[in-house]
Amino acid sequence: MAIFLTENSKILVQGMTGSEGTKHTRRMVASGAQIVAGVTPGKAGQDVDGIPVFDNVPNAIDATGANVSVVFVPPRFAKAAVEESVDAG
């Protein structure tokens, strides 16, 4: 069995500035998850509850060391978001 998430995971949230992304980010933070970044194209420099937002996954990883991604984007953008995370490693 593979373990994808541990107490040491540094999580980035794709789509964090949207309503679902913000809601679930707050829930994850409240449960003790280490959310280190959000990604929403065109929203770099913003933050959600003090968590920085970046334009793309590679920039978020470089700045924060994120090693896990969770996706909360509209369905039409889901494939591209997942591919961006996979391509970024």
C-alpha atoms as a PDB file:
ATOM      1  CA  MET A   1       0.000   0.000   0.000  1.00  0.00           C
ATOM      2  CA  ALA A   2       1.288   3.453  -0.910  1.00  0.00           C
ATOM      3  CA  ILE A   3       1.175   6.388   1.480  1.00  0.00           C
ATOM      4  CA  PHE A   4       0.633   9.667  -0.311  1.00  0.00           C
ATOM      5  CA  LEU A   5       0.229  12.012   2.637  1.00  0.00           C
ATOM      6  CA  THR A   6       2.115  12.193   5.929  1.00  0.00           C
ATOM      7  CA  GLU A   7       2.520  14.710   8.726  1.00  0.00           C
ATOM      8  CA  ASN A   8       5.574  15.997   6.811  1.00  0.00           C
ATOM      9  CA  SER A   9       3.698  16.628   3.554  1.00  0.00           C
ATOM     10  CA  LYS A  10       3.835  20.186   2.242  1.00  0.00           C
ATOM     11  CA  ILE A  11       0.584  20.712   0.384  1.00  0.00           C
ATOM     12  CA  LEU A  12      -0.247  23.144  -2.398  1.00  0.00           C
ATOM     13  CA  VAL A  13      -3.869  23.771  -3.344  1.00  0.00           C
ATOM     14  CA  GLN A  14      -4.611  24.321  -7.007  1.00  0.00           C
ATOM     15  CA  GLY A  15      -7.635  26.597  -7.271  1.00  0.00           C
ATOM     16  CA  MET A  16      -7.264  27.855  -3.703  1.00  0.00           C
ATOM     17  CA  THR A  17      -8.796  31.280  -4.430  1.00  0.00           C
ATOM     18  CA  GLY A  18     -12.102  29.835  -5.664  1.00  0.00           C
ATOM     19  CA  SER A  19     -14.992  29.214  -3.296  1.00  0.00           C
ATOM     20  CA  GLU A  20     -14.470  25.446  -3.021  1.00  0.00           C
ATOM     21  CA  GLY A  21     -10.691  25.774  -2.829  1.00  0.00           C
ATOM     22  CA  THR A  22     -10.885  28.368  -0.065  1.00  0.00           C
ATOM     23  CA  LYS A  23     -13.469  26.385   1.905  1.00  0.00           C
ATOM     24  CA  HIS A  24     -11.519  23.148   1.760  1.00  0.00           C
ATOM     25  CA  THR A  25      -8.169  24.859   2.397  1.00  0.00           C
ATOM     26  CA  ARG A  26      -9.581  26.257   5.636  1.00  0.00           C
ATOM     27  CA  ARG A  27     -10.879  22.823   6.607  1.00  0.00           C
ATOM     28  CA  MET A  28      -7.511  21.198   5.894  1.00  0.00           C
ATOM     29  CA  VAL A  29      -5.647  23.848   7.893  1.00  0.00           C
ATOM     30  CA  ALA A  30      -8.087  23.386  10.790  1.00  0.00           C
ATOM     31  CA  SER A  31      -7.400  19.647  10.735  1.00  0.00           C
ATOM     32  CA  GLY A  32      -3.646  20.211  10.978  1.00  0.00           C
ATOM     33  CA  ALA A  33      -2.579  19.856   7.335  1.00  0.00           C
ATOM     34  CA  GLN A  34       0.508  21.825   6.332  1.00  0.00           C
ATOM     35  CA  ILE A  35      -0.784  23.969   3.453  1.00  0.00           C
ATOM     36  CA  VAL A  36       2.183  25.938   2.110  1.00  0.00           C
ATOM     37  CA  ALA A  37       0.861  27.449  -1.130  1.00  0.00           C
ATOM     38  CA  GLY A  38      -2.029  28.003  -3.448  1.00  0.00           C
ATOM     39  CA  VAL A  39      -2.004  28.136  -7.232  1.00  0.00           C
ATOM     40  CA  THR A  40      -4.407  30.182  -9.329  1.00  0.00           C
ATOM     41  CA  PRO A  41      -3.287  31.631 -12.689  1.00  0.00           C
ATOM     42  CA  GLY A  42      -3.340  35.420 -12.603  1.00  0.00           C
ATOM     43  CA  LYS A  43      -3.528  35.633  -8.806  1.00  0.00           C
ATOM     44  CA  ALA A  44       0.168  35.523  -7.859  1.00  0.00           C
ATOM     45  CA  GLY A  45       1.002  37.767  -4.939  1.00  0.00           C
ATOM     46  CA  GLN A  46      -2.351  37.296  -3.234  1.00  0.00           C
ATOM     47  CA  ASP A  47      -2.900  35.130  -0.195  1.00  0.00           C
ATOM     48  CA  VAL A  48      -5.669  33.159   1.456  1.00  0.00           C
ATOM     49  CA  ASP A  49      -5.515  33.429   5.240  1.00  0.00           C
ATOM     50  CA  GLY A  50      -1.793  34.165   5.006  1.00  0.00           C
ATOM     51  CA  ILE A  51      -1.010  31.299   2.597  1.00  0.00           C
ATOM     52  CA  PRO A  52       0.727  32.670  -0.533  1.00  0.00           C
ATOM     53  CA  VAL A  53      -0.798  32.214  -3.980  1.00  0.00           C
ATOM     54  CA  PHE A  54       1.305  31.598  -7.099  1.00  0.00           C
ATOM     55  CA  ASP A  55       0.493  31.632 -10.830  1.00  0.00           C
ATOM     56  CA  ASN A  56       1.709  28.094 -11.463  1.00  0.00           C
ATOM     57  CA  VAL A  57       2.792  24.891  -9.767  1.00  0.00           C
ATOM     58  CA  PRO A  58       6.537  25.103 -10.577  1.00  0.00           C
ATOM     59  CA  ASN A  59       6.781  28.564  -8.976  1.00  0.00           C
ATOM     60  CA  ALA A  60       4.894  27.351  -5.897  1.00  0.00           C
ATOM     61  CA  ILE A  61       7.185  24.328  -5.532  1.00  0.00           C
ATOM     62  CA  ASP A  62      10.336  26.421  -5.967  1.00  0.00           C
ATOM     63  CA  ALA A  63       9.223  28.928  -3.327  1.00  0.00           C
ATOM     64  CA  THR A  64       7.794  26.545  -0.733  1.00  0.00           C
ATOM     65  CA  GLY A  65       9.116  23.029  -1.271  1.00  0.00           C
ATOM     66  CA  ALA A  66       5.575  21.698  -1.748  1.00  0.00           C
ATOM     67  CA  ASN A  67       5.515  17.955  -2.444  1.00  0.00           C
ATOM     68  CA  VAL A  68       1.765  17.231  -2.586  1.00  0.00           C
ATOM     69  CA  SER A  69      -0.956  18.847  -4.663  1.00  0.00           C
ATOM     70  CA  VAL A  70      -4.712  18.853  -4.209  1.00  0.00           C
ATOM     71  CA  VAL A  71      -6.959  20.144  -6.993  1.00  0.00           C
ATOM     72  CA  PHE A  72     -10.120  22.254  -6.562  1.00  0.00           C
ATOM     73  CA  VAL A  73     -10.696  23.679 -10.030  1.00  0.00           C
ATOM     74  CA  PRO A  74     -13.725  23.767 -12.325  1.00  0.00           C
ATOM     75  CA  PRO A  75     -14.130  20.518 -14.280  1.00  0.00           C
ATOM     76  CA  ARG A  76     -13.021  22.008 -17.597  1.00  0.00           C
ATOM     77  CA  PHE A  77      -9.631  22.886 -16.043  1.00  0.00           C
ATOM     78  CA  ALA A  78      -9.091  19.651 -14.079  1.00  0.00           C
ATOM     79  CA  LYS A  79      -7.066  17.784 -16.708  1.00  0.00           C
ATOM     80  CA  ALA A  80      -4.682  20.714 -17.232  1.00  0.00           C
ATOM     81  CA  ALA A  81      -4.254  21.185 -13.467  1.00  0.00           C
ATOM     82  CA  VAL A  82      -3.406  17.526 -12.913  1.00  0.00           C
ATOM     83  CA  GLU A  83      -1.012  17.524 -15.872  1.00  0.00           C
ATOM     84  CA  GLU A  84       0.701  20.641 -14.508  1.00  0.00           C
ATOM     85  CA  SER A  85       1.290  18.912 -11.170  1.00  0.00           C
ATOM     86  CA  VAL A  86       2.566  15.727 -12.800  1.00  0.00           C
ATOM     87  CA  ASP A  87       4.887  17.673 -15.093  1.00  0.00           C
ATOM     88  CA  ALA A  88       6.240  19.609 -12.085  1.00  0.00           C
ATOM     89  CA  GLY A  89       7.028  16.366 -10.304  1.00  0.00           C
END
